[in-house]
């Protein structure tokens, strides 16, 4: 099977196009990567080439030794992914020592993986260990309203999580662990990668203040749905705050505890504490 015909590939291309239509990927903003399973690799094995040179990753990720990942290309724009997927995306393999990678497919025209490759692979190593291999996707986007809230709300995980949970019941259902926060840092640096790794140990979605979000999930639908839910909650909150200086009513801590009991949600008690309760 050709890579471009594989279900895992078409699902990811669709997500790229959906996210672009949401306005989360201006110019070349944002990137994503997905660790492929053995069945997926076997299905496209005839379309992969293992003759390319090995290149340094910039970090060591021994937990990903031998793993194969589909990842966005550096300098490409999401709006072109559906039109030219073989240039916008590529497939790489991690070396057995976890220090190098080689291209197996894609990155047409002499391209290379996203400049955020070290951050992606370092965080893949974390989520692979954390979830026993269940979480396979890393996604970075620039959703407007979540970014706007990082200028308005205190950069406090308790405050952010509680505000978003109050906007829609789905928020506590989709990200019951809450939302992590990394203060503004220079993009693409080892520092922001390390700070994100620390947060991804606990959270599936992390807000990069005044920049964007970093989300992890089982695949394209999970990652897209996670960001979509948090972004919709942020848009509702901004509408409310633009109308009144403070909310007149909202679900209380006990309301959220009651919902958690019905739906068996592992809500953390620290996110249920606030001045109102």
Protein backbone atom coordinates (compact mmCIF):
# COMPACT_ATOMS: atom_id res chain seq x y z
CA UNK A 1 0.00 0.00 0.00
CA UNK A 2 1.20 3.51 -0.77
CA UNK A 3 1.70 5.75 2.27
CA UNK A 4 -0.77 8.30 0.90
CA UNK A 5 -3.47 5.62 0.71
CA UNK A 6 -3.06 4.30 4.26
CA UNK A 7 -5.91 5.03 6.69
CA UNK A 8 -3.54 6.43 9.33
CA UNK A 9 -2.16 8.87 6.77
CA UNK A 10 -5.47 10.05 5.34
CA UNK A 11 -6.80 10.57 8.90
CA UNK A 12 -3.85 12.77 9.77
CA UNK A 13 -4.12 14.78 6.54
CA UNK A 14 -7.80 15.35 7.28
CA UNK A 15 -6.92 16.60 10.76
CA UNK A 16 -4.35 19.01 9.30
CA UNK A 17 -6.99 20.43 6.97
CA UNK A 18 -9.66 20.62 9.69
CA UNK A 19 -7.28 22.41 12.06
CA UNK A 20 -6.25 24.82 9.33
CA UNK A 21 -9.90 25.65 8.70
CA UNK A 22 -10.28 26.40 12.40
CA UNK A 23 -7.57 29.06 12.03
CA UNK A 24 -5.07 27.36 14.32
CA UNK A 25 -2.21 27.26 11.80
CA UNK A 26 -1.40 30.61 10.27
CA UNK A 27 1.52 30.61 7.82
CA UNK A 28 3.83 27.79 8.96
CA UNK A 29 2.62 27.81 12.58
CA UNK A 30 2.09 24.50 14.38
CA UNK A 31 3.31 20.95 13.88
CA UNK A 32 2.42 17.37 14.77
CA UNK A 33 3.80 13.85 14.89
CA UNK A 34 2.35 10.37 15.30
CA UNK A 35 4.19 7.20 16.33
CA UNK A 36 3.15 4.38 14.01
CA UNK A 37 2.16 0.90 15.11
CA UNK A 38 3.61 -2.33 13.71
CA UNK A 39 0.53 -3.02 11.58
CA UNK A 40 0.61 0.46 10.08
CA UNK A 41 4.31 0.18 9.25
CA UNK A 42 3.88 -3.23 7.66
CA UNK A 43 1.01 -1.97 5.52
CA UNK A 44 3.23 0.65 3.83
CA UNK A 45 6.60 -1.11 4.09
CA UNK A 46 7.02 -1.36 0.30
CA UNK A 47 6.77 2.44 0.05
CA UNK A 48 9.48 3.07 2.65
CA UNK A 49 13.20 3.40 1.95
CA UNK A 50 15.79 2.59 4.61
CA UNK A 51 18.81 3.73 2.60
CA UNK A 52 18.96 7.35 3.76
CA UNK A 53 21.64 8.90 5.93
CA UNK A 54 21.31 9.07 9.70
CA UNK A 55 21.00 12.57 11.16
CA UNK A 56 21.45 13.78 14.74
CA UNK A 57 18.22 14.46 16.64
CA UNK A 58 19.74 16.85 19.15
CA UNK A 59 18.48 14.84 22.12
CA UNK A 60 18.72 11.18 23.09
CA UNK A 61 15.45 9.23 23.18
CA UNK A 62 16.38 5.60 23.90
CA UNK A 63 12.74 4.86 24.73
CA UNK A 64 11.95 5.38 21.04
CA UNK A 65 14.73 3.17 19.67
CA UNK A 66 13.61 1.71 16.35
CA UNK A 67 10.29 3.56 16.38
CA UNK A 68 8.80 5.01 13.20
CA UNK A 69 6.92 8.32 13.21
CA UNK A 70 4.91 10.40 10.76
CA UNK A 71 5.75 14.07 11.25
CA UNK A 72 5.24 17.48 9.66
CA UNK A 73 7.99 19.07 7.57
CA UNK A 74 9.93 22.19 8.54
CA UNK A 75 8.75 25.43 6.93
CA UNK A 76 5.61 23.92 5.41
CA UNK A 77 2.10 25.27 5.90
CA UNK A 78 -0.91 23.25 7.02
CA UNK A 79 -3.05 24.68 4.21
CA UNK A 80 -0.91 22.75 1.68
CA UNK A 81 -0.97 19.39 3.48
CA UNK A 82 -3.96 18.02 1.56
CA UNK A 83 -2.65 19.40 -1.74
CA UNK A 84 0.92 18.13 -1.43
CA UNK A 85 1.12 15.63 1.43
CA UNK A 86 4.43 14.09 0.31
CA UNK A 87 6.11 17.50 0.69
CA UNK A 88 4.27 18.61 3.82
CA UNK A 89 4.82 15.38 5.77
CA UNK A 90 7.42 12.66 6.15
CA UNK A 91 8.11 9.41 7.93
CA UNK A 92 11.26 8.95 10.02
CA UNK A 93 12.88 6.10 11.91
CA UNK A 94 14.74 6.53 15.22
CA UNK A 95 18.10 4.77 15.51
CA UNK A 96 18.74 1.98 18.01
CA UNK A 97 20.79 4.32 20.19
CA UNK A 98 17.98 6.91 20.22
CA UNK A 99 20.31 9.69 19.09
CA UNK A 100 19.69 9.82 15.33
CA UNK A 101 16.93 9.58 12.74
CA UNK A 102 16.66 8.83 9.06
CA UNK A 103 13.95 9.64 6.54
CA UNK A 104 11.95 6.70 5.23
CA UNK A 105 9.42 8.62 3.14
CA UNK A 106 8.29 12.15 2.25
CA UNK A 107 9.77 15.60 2.85
CA UNK A 108 9.75 16.10 -0.92
CA UNK A 109 12.07 18.64 -2.49
CA UNK A 110 14.86 18.11 0.01
CA UNK A 111 12.81 18.96 3.09
CA UNK A 112 13.39 17.87 6.66
CA UNK A 113 11.33 17.30 9.82
CA UNK A 114 9.95 20.21 11.81
CA UNK A 115 12.48 22.24 13.79
CA UNK A 116 10.56 21.10 16.86
CA UNK A 117 11.70 17.50 16.25
CA UNK A 118 13.70 17.25 19.52
CA UNK A 119 10.68 18.44 21.53
CA UNK A 120 8.34 16.07 19.72
CA UNK A 121 10.53 13.02 20.22
CA UNK A 122 11.37 13.86 23.83
CA UNK A 123 7.67 14.15 24.61
CA UNK A 124 6.84 10.99 22.66
CA UNK A 125 9.26 9.16 24.91
CA UNK A 126 7.43 10.51 27.97
CA UNK A 127 3.91 9.64 26.78
CA UNK A 128 4.95 6.21 25.50
CA UNK A 129 6.29 5.33 28.94
CA UNK A 130 3.48 7.06 30.79
CA UNK A 131 0.69 5.32 28.86
CA UNK A 132 2.28 1.97 28.09
CA UNK A 133 2.30 2.90 24.40
CA UNK A 134 -1.37 3.93 24.18
CA UNK A 135 -0.69 7.64 23.52
CA UNK A 136 0.92 7.99 20.10
CA UNK A 137 0.35 11.55 18.92
CA UNK A 138 1.88 14.94 19.77
CA UNK A 139 0.22 18.09 18.41
CA UNK A 140 1.11 21.78 18.62
CA UNK A 141 -1.41 24.44 17.50
CA UNK A 142 -2.22 28.15 17.89
CA UNK A 143 -5.90 28.37 18.94
CA UNK A 144 -6.94 32.01 19.26
CA UNK A 145 -9.03 32.03 22.40
CA UNK A 146 -6.77 29.90 24.57
CA UNK A 147 -3.87 32.17 23.63
CA UNK A 148 -6.00 35.24 24.44
CA UNK A 149 -6.84 33.85 27.88
CA UNK A 150 -3.13 33.60 28.65
CA UNK A 151 -3.06 37.42 28.54
CA UNK A 152 -6.09 37.72 30.83
CA UNK A 153 -6.12 34.98 33.46
CA UNK A 154 -3.38 34.34 36.01
CA UNK A 155 -0.96 31.73 34.68
CA UNK A 156 -2.14 29.33 37.34
CA UNK A 157 -3.17 25.77 36.48
CA UNK A 158 -5.88 25.69 39.14
CA UNK A 159 -7.46 28.91 37.86
CA UNK A 160 -7.24 27.94 34.18
CA UNK A 161 -8.53 24.42 34.69
CA UNK A 162 -11.45 25.47 36.86
CA UNK A 163 -12.47 28.28 34.49
CA UNK A 164 -12.51 25.93 31.49
CA UNK A 165 -14.27 23.11 33.37
CA UNK A 166 -17.06 25.52 34.32
CA UNK A 167 -17.80 26.47 30.72
CA UNK A 168 -18.99 23.06 29.50
CA UNK A 169 -19.39 19.63 31.15
CA UNK A 170 -17.41 18.13 28.25
CA UNK A 171 -14.26 19.88 29.43
CA UNK A 172 -13.99 17.83 32.61
CA UNK A 173 -14.82 14.74 30.55
CA UNK A 174 -12.25 15.38 27.81
CA UNK A 175 -9.38 16.64 29.98
CA UNK A 176 -10.12 15.43 33.54
CA UNK A 177 -6.45 15.81 34.47
CA UNK A 178 -6.76 19.58 33.88
CA UNK A 179 -4.59 21.83 31.75
CA UNK A 180 -0.91 22.47 32.38
CA UNK A 181 0.77 25.83 31.84
CA UNK A 182 4.24 26.77 30.66
CA UNK A 183 5.02 30.52 30.94
CA UNK A 184 6.26 32.30 27.83
CA UNK A 185 9.57 30.87 26.65
CA UNK A 186 11.53 31.17 23.42
CA UNK A 187 10.00 28.69 20.93
CA UNK A 188 12.06 25.78 19.67
CA UNK A 189 14.54 25.81 22.56
CA UNK A 190 15.64 22.96 24.84
CA UNK A 191 14.17 24.95 27.73
CA UNK A 192 10.59 24.92 26.44
CA UNK A 193 10.95 21.26 25.47
CA UNK A 194 12.09 20.34 28.99
CA UNK A 195 9.34 22.41 30.63
CA UNK A 196 6.72 20.74 28.43
CA UNK A 197 8.04 17.26 29.19
CA UNK A 198 7.58 17.95 32.89
CA UNK A 199 3.95 19.00 32.33
CA UNK A 200 3.16 16.12 29.95
CA UNK A 201 3.93 13.72 32.79
CA UNK A 202 0.61 14.89 34.29
CA UNK A 203 -1.47 16.62 31.58
CA UNK A 204 -2.69 15.73 28.09
CA UNK A 205 -2.93 19.41 27.13
CA UNK A 206 -0.46 22.16 28.01
CA UNK A 207 -0.86 25.88 27.33
CA UNK A 208 2.23 27.69 26.13
CA UNK A 209 1.44 31.20 27.37
CA UNK A 210 1.07 33.82 24.63
CA UNK A 211 1.98 31.15 22.06
CA UNK A 212 -0.28 28.12 21.71
CA UNK A 213 -1.06 24.66 23.04
CA UNK A 214 0.71 21.31 23.10
CA UNK A 215 -1.56 18.25 23.23
CA UNK A 216 -1.11 14.48 23.27
CA UNK A 217 -3.53 11.69 22.49
CA UNK A 218 -4.11 8.27 20.95
CA UNK A 219 -4.43 9.69 17.43
CA UNK A 220 -5.75 12.55 15.26
CA UNK A 221 -9.36 12.44 16.48
CA UNK A 222 -8.34 12.46 20.14
CA UNK A 223 -5.84 15.32 19.77
CA UNK A 224 -8.11 17.43 17.59
CA UNK A 225 -11.07 16.87 19.91
CA UNK A 226 -9.01 17.79 22.96
CA UNK A 227 -7.88 21.13 21.53
CA UNK A 228 -11.30 21.79 19.98
CA UNK A 229 -13.04 21.30 23.34
CA UNK A 230 -10.63 23.49 25.30
CA UNK A 231 -10.73 26.19 22.62
CA UNK A 232 -14.55 26.28 22.56
CA UNK A 233 -14.61 26.62 26.35
CA UNK A 234 -12.10 29.47 26.10
CA UNK A 235 -14.27 31.22 23.48
CA UNK A 236 -17.33 30.97 25.75
CA UNK A 237 -15.38 32.36 28.70
CA UNK A 238 -14.12 35.31 26.66
CA UNK A 239 -17.69 36.08 25.52
CA UNK A 240 -18.90 35.99 29.12
CA UNK A 241 -16.08 38.21 30.37
CA UNK A 242 -16.70 40.68 27.54
CA UNK A 243 -20.31 41.10 28.76
CA UNK A 244 -19.96 41.21 32.54
CA UNK A 245 -17.04 41.82 34.91
CA UNK A 246 -17.69 38.48 36.65
CA UNK A 247 -19.88 35.42 36.10
CA UNK A 248 -23.17 35.58 37.97
CA UNK A 249 -23.51 31.82 38.24
CA UNK A 250 -21.45 28.78 37.36
CA UNK A 251 -21.18 25.11 38.39
CA UNK A 252 -19.72 24.81 41.87
CA UNK A 253 -17.14 22.38 43.20
CA UNK A 254 -19.83 19.98 44.44
CA UNK A 255 -21.55 20.06 41.05
CA UNK A 256 -18.30 18.96 39.45
CA UNK A 257 -17.78 16.29 42.11
CA UNK A 258 -21.27 14.96 41.44
CA UNK A 259 -20.57 14.80 37.71
CA UNK A 260 -17.26 13.08 38.35
CA UNK A 261 -19.03 10.41 40.39
CA UNK A 262 -21.64 9.75 37.69
CA UNK A 263 -19.14 9.61 34.82
CA UNK A 264 -16.26 8.16 36.90
CA UNK A 265 -13.96 11.06 36.12
CA UNK A 266 -10.60 11.26 37.94
CA UNK A 267 -10.90 14.97 38.73
CA UNK A 268 -8.16 16.24 41.00
CA UNK A 269 -9.39 17.87 44.18
CA UNK A 270 -6.88 20.72 43.88
CA UNK A 271 -8.74 21.92 40.78
CA UNK A 272 -12.02 21.94 42.68
CA UNK A 273 -10.82 24.46 45.21
CA UNK A 274 -11.37 28.16 44.58
CA UNK A 275 -12.25 31.35 46.39
CA UNK A 276 -15.90 30.82 45.51
CA UNK A 277 -16.07 27.42 47.18
